C-alpha atoms as a PDB file:
ATOM      1  CA  MET A   1     -82.051  50.506-177.850  1.00  0.00           C
ATOM      2  CA  LYS A   2     -81.117  50.870-174.225  1.00  0.00           C
ATOM      3  CA  LEU A   3     -84.489  49.414-173.233  1.00  0.00           C
ATOM      4  CA  LYS A   4     -83.929  46.314-175.388  1.00  0.00           C
ATOM      5  CA  ARG A   5     -80.436  45.845-173.895  1.00  0.00           C
ATOM      6  CA  GLY A   6     -81.910  46.121-170.370  1.00  0.00           C
ATOM      7  CA  LYS A   7     -84.562  43.481-171.104  1.00  0.00           C
ATOM      8  CA  PHE A   8     -81.924  41.199-172.550  1.00  0.00           C
ATOM      9  CA  LEU A   9     -79.765  41.497-169.433  1.00  0.00           C
ATOM     10  CA  LEU A  10     -82.810  40.865-167.232  1.00  0.00           C
ATOM     11  CA  ILE A  11     -83.609  37.709-169.180  1.00  0.00           C
ATOM     12  CA  ILE A  12     -79.995  36.526-168.901  1.00  0.00           C
ATOM     13  CA  ILE A  13     -80.025  37.111-165.130  1.00  0.00           C
ATOM     14  CA  LEU A  14     -83.301  35.221-164.744  1.00  0.00           C
ATOM     15  CA  ILE A  15     -81.955  32.309-166.738  1.00  0.00           C
ATOM     16  CA  ILE A  16     -78.833  32.216-164.567  1.00  0.00           C
ATOM     17  CA  LEU A  17     -80.924  32.261-161.391  1.00  0.00           C
ATOM     18  CA  ILE A  18     -83.111  29.489-162.745  1.00  0.00           C
ATOM     19  CA  LEU A  19     -80.060  27.417-163.645  1.00  0.00           C
ATOM     20  CA  ILE A  20     -78.542  27.968-160.208  1.00  0.00           C
ATOM     21  CA  SER A  21     -81.774  26.909-158.512  1.00  0.00           C
ATOM     22  CA  PHE A  22     -82.056  23.897-160.780  1.00  0.00           C
ATOM     23  CA  ASN A  23     -78.439  22.907-160.090  1.00  0.00           C
ATOM     24  CA  LYS A  24     -79.039  23.104-156.347  1.00  0.00           C
ATOM     25  CA  PHE A  25     -82.163  20.980-156.738  1.00  0.00           C
ATOM     26  CA  LEU A  26     -80.341  18.543-159.029  1.00  0.00           C
ATOM     27  CA  LEU A  27     -77.372  18.345-156.678  1.00  0.00           C
ATOM     28  CA  ARG A  28     -79.689  17.697-153.732  1.00  0.00           C
ATOM     29  CA  GLU A  29     -81.446  14.942-155.649  1.00  0.00           C
ATOM     30  CA  ILE A  30     -78.156  13.395-156.689  1.00  0.00           C
ATOM     31  CA  LYS A  31     -76.944  13.486-153.118  1.00  0.00           C
ATOM     32  CA  ASN A  32     -80.217  12.006-151.934  1.00  0.00           C
ATOM     33  CA  ALA A  33     -79.972   9.206-154.469  1.00  0.00           C
ATOM     34  CA  PHE A  34     -76.344   8.540-153.515  1.00  0.00           C
ATOM     35  CA  TYR A  35     -77.156   8.419-149.820  1.00  0.00           C
ATOM     36  CA  THR A  36     -80.165   6.207-150.492  1.00  0.00           C
ATOM     37  CA  ILE A  37     -78.035   3.743-152.447  1.00  0.00           C
ATOM     38  CA  SER A  38     -74.977   3.841-150.194  1.00  0.00           C
ATOM     39  CA  LEU A  39     -76.726   3.892-146.808  1.00  0.00           C
ATOM     40  CA  PRO A  40     -77.264   0.083-146.579  1.00  0.00           C
ATOM     41  CA  PHE A  41     -73.639  -0.449-147.549  1.00  0.00           C
ATOM     42  CA  PHE A  42     -72.350   1.950-144.898  1.00  0.00           C
ATOM     43  CA  LYS A  43     -74.774   0.446-142.407  1.00  0.00           C
ATOM     44  CA  ASN A  44     -73.578  -3.090-143.160  1.00  0.00           C
ATOM     45  CA  PHE A  45     -70.006  -1.909-143.149  1.00  0.00           C
ATOM     46  CA  SER A  46     -70.549  -0.409-139.713  1.00  0.00           C
ATOM     47  CA  LEU A  47     -72.169  -3.632-138.462  1.00  0.00           C
ATOM     48  CA  THR A  48     -69.358  -5.707-139.980  1.00  0.00           C
ATOM     49  CA  GLY A  49     -66.828  -3.457-138.313  1.00  0.00           C
ATOM     50  CA  ASP A  50     -68.622  -3.914-135.010  1.00  0.00           C
ATOM     51  CA  LYS A  51     -68.646  -7.676-135.542  1.00  0.00           C
ATOM     52  CA  ILE A  52     -64.944  -7.709-136.414  1.00  0.00           C
ATOM     53  CA  SER A  53     -64.170  -5.623-133.358  1.00  0.00           C
ATOM     54  CA  SER A  54     -66.326  -7.946-131.240  1.00  0.00           C
ATOM     55  CA  PHE A  55     -64.569 -11.012-132.748  1.00  0.00           C
ATOM     56  CA  PHE A  56     -61.108  -9.719-131.894  1.00  0.00           C
ATOM     57  CA  GLN A  57     -62.289  -8.812-128.423  1.00  0.00           C
ATOM     58  CA  THR A  58     -63.730 -12.323-127.964  1.00  0.00           C
ATOM     59  CA  PHE A  59     -60.531 -13.876-129.347  1.00  0.00           C
ATOM     60  CA  SER A  60     -58.460 -11.836-126.900  1.00  0.00           C
ATOM     61  CA  GLU A  61     -60.709 -12.902-124.017  1.00  0.00           C
ATOM     62  CA  PHE A  62     -60.455 -16.564-125.138  1.00  0.00           C
ATOM     63  CA  LYS A  63     -56.665 -16.290-125.293  1.00  0.00           C
ATOM     64  CA  ASN A  64     -56.589 -14.840-121.780  1.00  0.00           C
ATOM     65  CA  LEU A  65     -58.947 -17.586-120.564  1.00  0.00           C
ATOM     66  CA  LYS A  66     -56.737 -20.265-122.140  1.00  0.00           C
ATOM     67  CA  THR A  67     -53.681 -18.780-120.397  1.00  0.00           C
ATOM     68  CA  GLU A  68     -55.523 -18.772-117.073  1.00  0.00           C
ATOM     69  CA  ASN A  69     -56.638 -22.392-117.595  1.00  0.00           C
ATOM     70  CA  GLN A  70     -53.053 -23.409-118.386  1.00  0.00           C
ATOM     71  CA  LYS A  71     -51.843 -21.734-115.193  1.00  0.00           C
ATOM     72  CA  LEU A  72     -54.552 -23.507-113.170  1.00  0.00           C
ATOM     73  CA  LEU A  73     -53.648 -26.841-114.802  1.00  0.00           C
ATOM     74  CA  GLU A  74     -49.967 -26.382-113.920  1.00  0.00           C
ATOM     75  CA  GLN A  75     -50.883 -25.441-110.356  1.00  0.00           C
ATOM     76  CA  ASN A  76     -53.112 -28.530-110.057  1.00  0.00           C
ATOM     77  CA  GLN A  77     -50.348 -30.757-111.430  1.00  0.00           C
ATOM     78  CA  ASN A  78     -47.827 -29.285-108.999  1.00  0.00           C
ATOM     79  CA  LEU A  79     -50.269 -29.819-106.154  1.00  0.00           C
ATOM     80  CA  LEU A  80     -50.924 -33.401-107.289  1.00  0.00           C
ATOM     81  CA  ALA A  81     -47.169 -34.079-107.445  1.00  0.00           C
ATOM     82  CA  LYS A  82     -46.762 -32.787-103.894  1.00  0.00           C
ATOM     83  CA  ILE A  83     -49.661 -34.958-102.703  1.00  0.00           C
ATOM     84  CA  VAL A  84     -48.138 -38.048-104.358  1.00  0.00           C
ATOM     85  CA  GLU A  85     -44.729 -37.216-102.869  1.00  0.00           C
ATOM     86  CA  PHE A  86     -46.330 -36.795 -99.449  1.00  0.00           C
ATOM     87  CA  GLU A  87     -48.181 -40.117 -99.757  1.00  0.00           C
ATOM     88  CA  LEU A  88     -44.981 -41.919-100.789  1.00  0.00           C
ATOM     89  CA  LEU A  89     -43.082 -40.399 -97.882  1.00  0.00           C
ATOM     90  CA  LYS A  90     -45.942 -41.310 -95.544  1.00  0.00           C
ATOM     91  CA  LYS A  91     -45.861 -44.903 -96.799  1.00  0.00           C
ATOM     92  CA  GLU A  92     -42.089 -45.096 -96.356  1.00  0.00           C
ATOM     93  CA  ASN A  93     -42.433 -43.820 -92.805  1.00  0.00           C
ATOM     94  CA  GLU A  94     -45.096 -46.434 -92.082  1.00  0.00           C
ATOM     95  CA  GLU A  95     -42.861 -49.216 -93.416  1.00  0.00           C
ATOM     96  CA  LEU A  96     -39.931 -47.901 -91.401  1.00  0.00           C
ATOM     97  CA  ARG A  97     -42.129 -47.725 -88.302  1.00  0.00           C
ATOM     98  CA  LYS A  98     -43.116 -51.369 -88.796  1.00  0.00           C
ATOM     99  CA  ALA A  99     -39.461 -52.380 -88.962  1.00  0.00           C
ATOM    100  CA  LEU A 100     -38.657 -50.345 -85.855  1.00  0.00           C
ATOM    101  CA  ASN A 101     -41.571 -51.898 -83.974  1.00  0.00           C
ATOM    102  CA  LEU A 102     -40.135 -55.339 -84.748  1.00  0.00           C
ATOM    103  CA  GLY A 103     -36.798 -54.219 -83.325  1.00  0.00           C
ATOM    104  CA  LEU A 104     -34.921 -55.051 -86.522  1.00  0.00           C
ATOM    105  CA  GLU A 105     -32.719 -51.957 -86.240  1.00  0.00           C
ATOM    106  CA  LYS A 106     -31.377 -53.238 -82.910  1.00  0.00           C
ATOM    107  CA  GLU A 107     -30.139 -56.454 -84.458  1.00  0.00           C
ATOM    108  CA  PHE A 108     -29.296 -55.426 -87.997  1.00  0.00           C
ATOM    109  CA  GLN A 109     -27.969 -52.471 -89.938  1.00  0.00           C
ATOM    110  CA  LEU A 110     -30.689 -51.726 -92.480  1.00  0.00           C
ATOM    111  CA  ILE A 111     -30.929 -49.580 -95.573  1.00  0.00           C
ATOM    112  CA  LEU A 112     -34.295 -48.732 -97.112  1.00  0.00           C
ATOM    113  CA  VAL A 113     -34.781 -49.514-100.821  1.00  0.00           C
ATOM    114  CA  LYS A 114     -37.606 -49.616-103.353  1.00  0.00           C
ATOM    115  CA  SER A 115     -38.511 -52.409-105.754  1.00  0.00           C
ATOM    116  CA  ILE A 116     -38.463 -50.675-109.137  1.00  0.00           C
ATOM    117  CA  SER A 117     -39.101 -53.467-111.651  1.00  0.00           C
ATOM    118  CA  LYS A 118     -39.372 -57.198-112.217  1.00  0.00           C
ATOM    119  CA  GLU A 119     -37.385 -59.078-114.814  1.00  0.00           C
ATOM    120  CA  THR A 120     -39.458 -60.800-117.467  1.00  0.00           C
ATOM    121  CA  GLU A 121     -37.631 -64.112-117.046  1.00  0.00           C
ATOM    122  CA  GLY A 122     -37.116 -65.723-113.681  1.00  0.00           C
ATOM    123  CA  ASP A 123     -37.952 -64.594-110.156  1.00  0.00           C
ATOM    124  CA  PHE A 124     -35.781 -61.483-110.023  1.00  0.00           C
ATOM    125  CA  ILE A 125     -36.483 -57.867-109.114  1.00  0.00           C
ATOM    126  CA  LEU A 126     -34.479 -54.661-109.304  1.00  0.00           C
ATOM    127  CA  ILE A 127     -34.081 -52.388-106.285  1.00  0.00           C
ATOM    128  CA  SER A 128     -33.262 -48.689-106.129  1.00  0.00           C
ATOM    129  CA  LYS A 129     -29.803 -48.882-104.507  1.00  0.00           C
ATOM    130  CA  GLY A 130     -26.500 -49.881-106.063  1.00  0.00           C
ATOM    131  CA  LYS A 131     -22.750 -49.913-105.644  1.00  0.00           C
ATOM    132  CA  GLU A 132     -22.620 -46.217-104.764  1.00  0.00           C
ATOM    133  CA  ASP A 133     -24.982 -46.926-101.838  1.00  0.00           C
ATOM    134  CA  GLY A 134     -22.870 -49.757-100.414  1.00  0.00           C
ATOM    135  CA  MET A 135     -24.721 -52.667-102.009  1.00  0.00           C
ATOM    136  CA  ILE A 136     -22.740 -55.886-102.481  1.00  0.00           C
ATOM    137  CA  GLU A 137     -23.664 -59.353-103.697  1.00  0.00           C
ATOM    138  CA  GLY A 138     -25.044 -61.755-101.103  1.00  0.00           C
ATOM    139  CA  LEU A 139     -26.865 -59.238 -98.876  1.00  0.00           C
ATOM    140  CA  PRO A 140     -30.325 -60.440 -97.707  1.00  0.00           C
ATOM    141  CA  VAL A 141     -33.439 -58.455 -98.593  1.00  0.00           C
ATOM    142  CA  ILE A 142     -36.476 -58.391 -96.301  1.00  0.00           C
ATOM    143  CA  SER A 143     -39.769 -56.554 -95.906  1.00  0.00           C
ATOM    144  CA  ALA A 144     -40.906 -54.342 -93.037  1.00  0.00           C
ATOM    145  CA  GLU A 145     -43.028 -57.265 -91.757  1.00  0.00           C
ATOM    146  CA  LYS A 146     -39.863 -59.382 -91.281  1.00  0.00           C
ATOM    147  CA  VAL A 147     -40.647 -61.435 -94.379  1.00  0.00           C
ATOM    148  CA  LEU A 148     -37.708 -62.914 -96.282  1.00  0.00           C
ATOM    149  CA  VAL A 149     -37.658 -61.706 -99.898  1.00  0.00           C
ATOM    150  CA  GLY A 150     -34.351 -62.807-101.380  1.00  0.00           C
ATOM    151  CA  LYS A 151     -30.691 -61.961-101.791  1.00  0.00           C
ATOM    152  CA  ILE A 152     -28.745 -59.495-103.945  1.00  0.00           C
ATOM    153  CA  ASP A 153     -26.997 -61.381-106.744  1.00  0.00           C
ATOM    154  CA  GLN A 154     -25.908 -58.569-109.097  1.00  0.00           C
ATOM    155  CA  VAL A 155     -24.832 -55.010-108.265  1.00  0.00           C
ATOM    156  CA  TYR A 156     -24.756 -52.041-110.640  1.00  0.00           C
ATOM    157  CA  LYS A 157     -23.851 -48.401-110.102  1.00  0.00           C
ATOM    158  CA  ASN A 158     -27.284 -47.139-109.049  1.00  0.00           C
ATOM    159  CA  PHE A 159     -29.414 -50.266-108.686  1.00  0.00           C
ATOM    160  CA  SER A 160     -29.118 -53.957-107.840  1.00  0.00           C
ATOM    161  CA  ARG A 161     -30.772 -57.213-108.844  1.00  0.00           C
ATOM    162  CA  VAL A 162     -32.370 -59.384-106.186  1.00  0.00           C
ATOM    163  CA  LYS A 163     -32.817 -63.122-106.606  1.00  0.00           C
ATOM    164  CA  LEU A 164     -36.107 -64.005-104.918  1.00  0.00           C
ATOM    165  CA  ILE A 165     -36.291 -67.001-102.578  1.00  0.00           C
ATOM    166  CA  SER A 166     -38.719 -68.582-105.071  1.00  0.00           C
ATOM    167  CA  ALA A 167     -36.212 -68.404-107.954  1.00  0.00           C
ATOM    168  CA  GLU A 168     -35.659 -71.719-109.711  1.00  0.00           C
ATOM    169  CA  ASN A 169     -33.078 -73.971-107.969  1.00  0.00           C
ATOM    170  CA  ASN A 170     -32.566 -71.459-105.158  1.00  0.00           C
ATOM    171  CA  ILE A 171     -31.924 -73.654-102.077  1.00  0.00           C
ATOM    172  CA  PHE A 172     -31.849 -72.504 -98.439  1.00  0.00           C
ATOM    173  CA  ASP A 173     -32.455 -73.875 -94.956  1.00  0.00           C
ATOM    174  CA  VAL A 174     -35.815 -73.498 -93.250  1.00  0.00           C
ATOM    175  CA  GLU A 175     -37.482 -74.440 -90.003  1.00  0.00           C
ATOM    176  CA  ILE A 176     -41.102 -75.531 -89.664  1.00  0.00           C
ATOM    177  CA  ILE A 177     -42.993 -74.293 -86.635  1.00  0.00           C
ATOM    178  CA  THR A 178     -45.394 -77.158 -85.901  1.00  0.00           C
ATOM    179  CA  ALA A 179     -48.642 -76.847 -84.028  1.00  0.00           C
ATOM    180  CA  ALA A 180     -48.323 -80.363 -82.568  1.00  0.00           C
ATOM    181  CA  ASP A 181     -45.280 -79.680 -80.447  1.00  0.00           C
ATOM    182  CA  SER A 182     -43.805 -76.173 -80.468  1.00  0.00           C
ATOM    183  CA  ARG A 183     -40.658 -77.454 -78.724  1.00  0.00           C
ATOM    184  CA  GLU A 184     -39.760 -79.722 -81.626  1.00  0.00           C
ATOM    185  CA  LYS A 185     -37.559 -78.214 -84.324  1.00  0.00           C
ATOM    186  CA  ILE A 186     -38.090 -79.597 -87.805  1.00  0.00           C
ATOM    187  CA  TYR A 187     -35.577 -78.506 -90.412  1.00  0.00           C
ATOM    188  CA  GLY A 188     -35.633 -78.969 -94.148  1.00  0.00           C
ATOM    189  CA  LEU A 189     -34.349 -77.580 -97.410  1.00  0.00           C
ATOM    190  CA  ALA A 190     -36.532 -75.127 -99.280  1.00  0.00           C
ATOM    191  CA  GLN A 191     -36.090 -75.074-103.044  1.00  0.00           C
ATOM    192  CA  GLY A 192     -37.409 -72.430-105.408  1.00  0.00           C
ATOM    193  CA  GLU A 193     -39.470 -73.776-108.283  1.00  0.00           C
ATOM    194  CA  GLY A 194     -39.796 -70.477-110.126  1.00  0.00           C
ATOM    195  CA  ASN A 195     -42.976 -68.487-110.752  1.00  0.00           C
ATOM    196  CA  PHE A 196     -43.192 -67.655-107.000  1.00  0.00           C
ATOM    197  CA  LYS A 197     -43.445 -71.312-105.952  1.00  0.00           C
ATOM    198  CA  ILE A 198     -41.380 -73.053-103.266  1.00  0.00           C
ATOM    199  CA  LYS A 199     -41.169 -76.680-102.104  1.00  0.00           C
ATOM    200  CA  ILE A 200     -39.603 -78.105 -98.961  1.00  0.00           C
ATOM    201  CA  LYS A 201     -37.748 -81.375 -99.305  1.00  0.00           C
ATOM    202  CA  PHE A 202     -35.973 -83.918 -97.113  1.00  0.00           C
ATOM    203  CA  ILE A 203     -38.512 -83.871 -94.299  1.00  0.00           C
ATOM    204  CA  PRO A 204     -38.868 -87.443 -92.940  1.00  0.00           C
ATOM    205  CA  LYS A 205     -42.365 -88.743 -93.637  1.00  0.00           C
ATOM    206  CA  GLU A 206     -42.888 -89.718 -89.998  1.00  0.00           C
ATOM    207  CA  LYS A 207     -42.827 -86.038 -89.058  1.00  0.00           C
ATOM    208  CA  GLU A 208     -46.311 -84.672 -88.667  1.00  0.00           C
ATOM    209  CA  ILE A 209     -46.622 -81.599 -90.879  1.00  0.00           C
ATOM    210  CA  LYS A 210     -49.966 -79.876 -91.382  1.00  0.00           C
ATOM    211  CA  GLU A 211     -51.275 -77.362 -93.837  1.00  0.00           C
ATOM    212  CA  GLY A 212     -51.286 -73.809 -92.517  1.00  0.00           C
ATOM    213  CA  GLU A 213     -48.161 -74.188 -90.385  1.00  0.00           C
ATOM    214  CA  THR A 214     -45.512 -71.466 -90.548  1.00  0.00           C
ATOM    215  CA  VAL A 215     -42.055 -71.780 -92.090  1.00  0.00           C
ATOM    216  CA  ILE A 216     -39.167 -69.511 -91.082  1.00  0.00           C
ATOM    217  CA  SER A 217     -35.577 -69.130 -92.269  1.00  0.00           C
ATOM    218  CA  SER A 218     -32.747 -71.048 -90.636  1.00  0.00           C
ATOM    219  CA  ASN A 219     -29.106 -70.011 -90.633  1.00  0.00           C
ATOM    220  CA  ILE A 220     -27.605 -73.513 -90.523  1.00  0.00           C
ATOM    221  CA  ALA A 221     -25.783 -72.867 -93.798  1.00  0.00           C
ATOM    222  CA  GLN A 222     -25.420 -69.147 -93.046  1.00  0.00           C
ATOM    223  CA  LYS A 223     -27.273 -68.189 -96.204  1.00  0.00           C
ATOM    224  CA  PHE A 224     -29.967 -66.137 -94.489  1.00  0.00           C
ATOM    225  CA  PRO A 225     -30.447 -64.798 -90.948  1.00  0.00           C
ATOM    226  CA  GLN A 226     -32.435 -66.939 -88.528  1.00  0.00           C
ATOM    227  CA  GLY A 227     -36.126 -66.440 -87.878  1.00  0.00           C
ATOM    228  CA  PHE A 228     -37.439 -64.509 -90.877  1.00  0.00           C
ATOM    229  CA  LEU A 229     -40.872 -65.452 -92.205  1.00  0.00           C
ATOM    230  CA  VAL A 230     -40.743 -67.551 -95.369  1.00  0.00           C
ATOM    231  CA  GLY A 231     -44.236 -68.882 -95.969  1.00  0.00           C
ATOM    232  CA  GLU A 232     -47.137 -71.114 -95.008  1.00  0.00           C
ATOM    233  CA  ILE A 233     -47.584 -74.838 -95.659  1.00  0.00           C
ATOM    234  CA  LYS A 234     -49.991 -75.179 -98.577  1.00  0.00           C
ATOM    235  CA  LYS A 235     -49.880 -78.911 -99.385  1.00  0.00           C
ATOM    236  CA  VAL A 236     -48.220 -82.039 -97.931  1.00  0.00           C
ATOM    237  CA  GLU A 237     -47.445 -85.080-100.106  1.00  0.00           C
ATOM    238  CA  LYS A 238     -46.380 -88.458 -98.684  1.00  0.00           C
ATOM    239  CA  SER A 239     -45.475 -91.648-100.519  1.00  0.00           C
ATOM    240  CA  ASP A 240     -45.076 -95.223 -99.251  1.00  0.00           C
ATOM    241  CA  ILE A 241     -41.999 -95.730-101.381  1.00  0.00           C
ATOM    242  CA  GLU A 242     -40.288 -92.406-100.607  1.00  0.00           C
ATOM    243  CA  PRO A 243     -38.545 -91.767 -97.267  1.00  0.00           C
ATOM    244  CA  HIS A 244     -39.304 -88.066 -97.366  1.00  0.00           C
ATOM    245  CA  GLN A 245     -42.421 -86.000 -97.796  1.00  0.00           C
ATOM    246  CA  ILE A 246     -42.710 -83.131-100.236  1.00  0.00           C
ATOM    247  CA  ILE A 247     -44.274 -79.914 -99.012  1.00  0.00           C
ATOM    248  CA  GLU A 248     -45.607 -77.072-101.106  1.00  0.00           C
ATOM    249  CA  LEU A 249     -45.119 -73.656 -99.595  1.00  0.00           C
ATOM    250  CA  GLU A 250     -47.041 -70.421-100.129  1.00  0.00           C
ATOM    251  CA  PRO A 251     -44.487 -67.569 -99.795  1.00  0.00           C
ATOM    252  CA  PHE A 252     -45.408 -64.718 -97.457  1.00  0.00           C
ATOM    253  CA  PHE A 253     -43.856 -62.043 -99.633  1.00  0.00           C
ATOM    254  CA  LYS A 254     -46.145 -60.341-102.150  1.00  0.00           C
ATOM    255  CA  LEU A 255     -44.379 -58.631-105.017  1.00  0.00           C
ATOM    256  CA  ASN A 256     -45.520 -55.057-105.563  1.00  0.00           C
ATOM    257  CA  LEU A 257     -43.538 -52.577-107.635  1.00  0.00           C
ATOM    258  CA  GLY A 258     -42.661 -49.504-105.613  1.00  0.00           C
ATOM    259  CA  GLN A 259     -42.765 -51.573-102.436  1.00  0.00           C
ATOM    260  CA  THR A 260     -40.495 -50.547 -99.567  1.00  0.00           C
ATOM    261  CA  LEU A 261     -37.913 -53.181 -98.687  1.00  0.00           C
ATOM    262  CA  PHE A 262     -34.808 -53.352 -96.508  1.00  0.00           C
ATOM    263  CA  VAL A 263     -31.329 -54.642 -97.212  1.00  0.00           C
ATOM    264  CA  ILE A 264     -29.401 -56.116 -94.262  1.00  0.00           C
ATOM    265  CA  LEU A 265     -25.885 -54.698 -94.470  1.00  0.00           C
ATOM    266  CA  ASN A 266     -24.246 -56.533 -91.546  1.00  0.00           C
ATOM    267  CA  PHE A 267     -24.809 -60.188 -92.453  1.00  0.00           C
END
């Protein structure tokens, strides 16, 4: 009886050992199958994670690069602004030097202005000085080359309007410097035709006037100072039935926005 019980226990123990061994084998196989199935997923997940990490790193580097580019752009713009400011100041100094070389400051009290715009209708420009700068109506405007430009006809707080010498129906005295006899003084009335055109009238037809001769301002009527350059004779018309000849004039002034001009304060 005891022998049978001992065999039975031995069999039970062997079965348990077999089951334990089988479970370990089964568990190992299950684990192996799980790892085999899940390995590509974990591998892809790891690669995706690396890619995501690399993307955010690249994005951060791009953001930093964009910030650096913006800083460089601002620096370049600031440098460009300084260069433009320097060039404008250099140009102003050159214009002022021209005026000083002509001795204008010895004869007149001048104030430097800029032409800032042209009116769409008529021969008028706006300049950068106004009532607060001492501008008043009637003051002559000239260039650094001693060229007559016009006269202030309207004054505002910070800018003024200049009526150009070529403005329609603008009449002023002029003198023609003839090549035939430099001692002879020929005077006439210049009249603006608009659109930067000027004609000289009331010159007796017996007076010899040639194309290319120079016309300067006269102060007979005290409208402009004497001796400023007005223009060059472009065309001379004579008629047998008219006592006077009509002369077309090419003005010396060339209108450029931003141009440096001078206002004569003591006239």
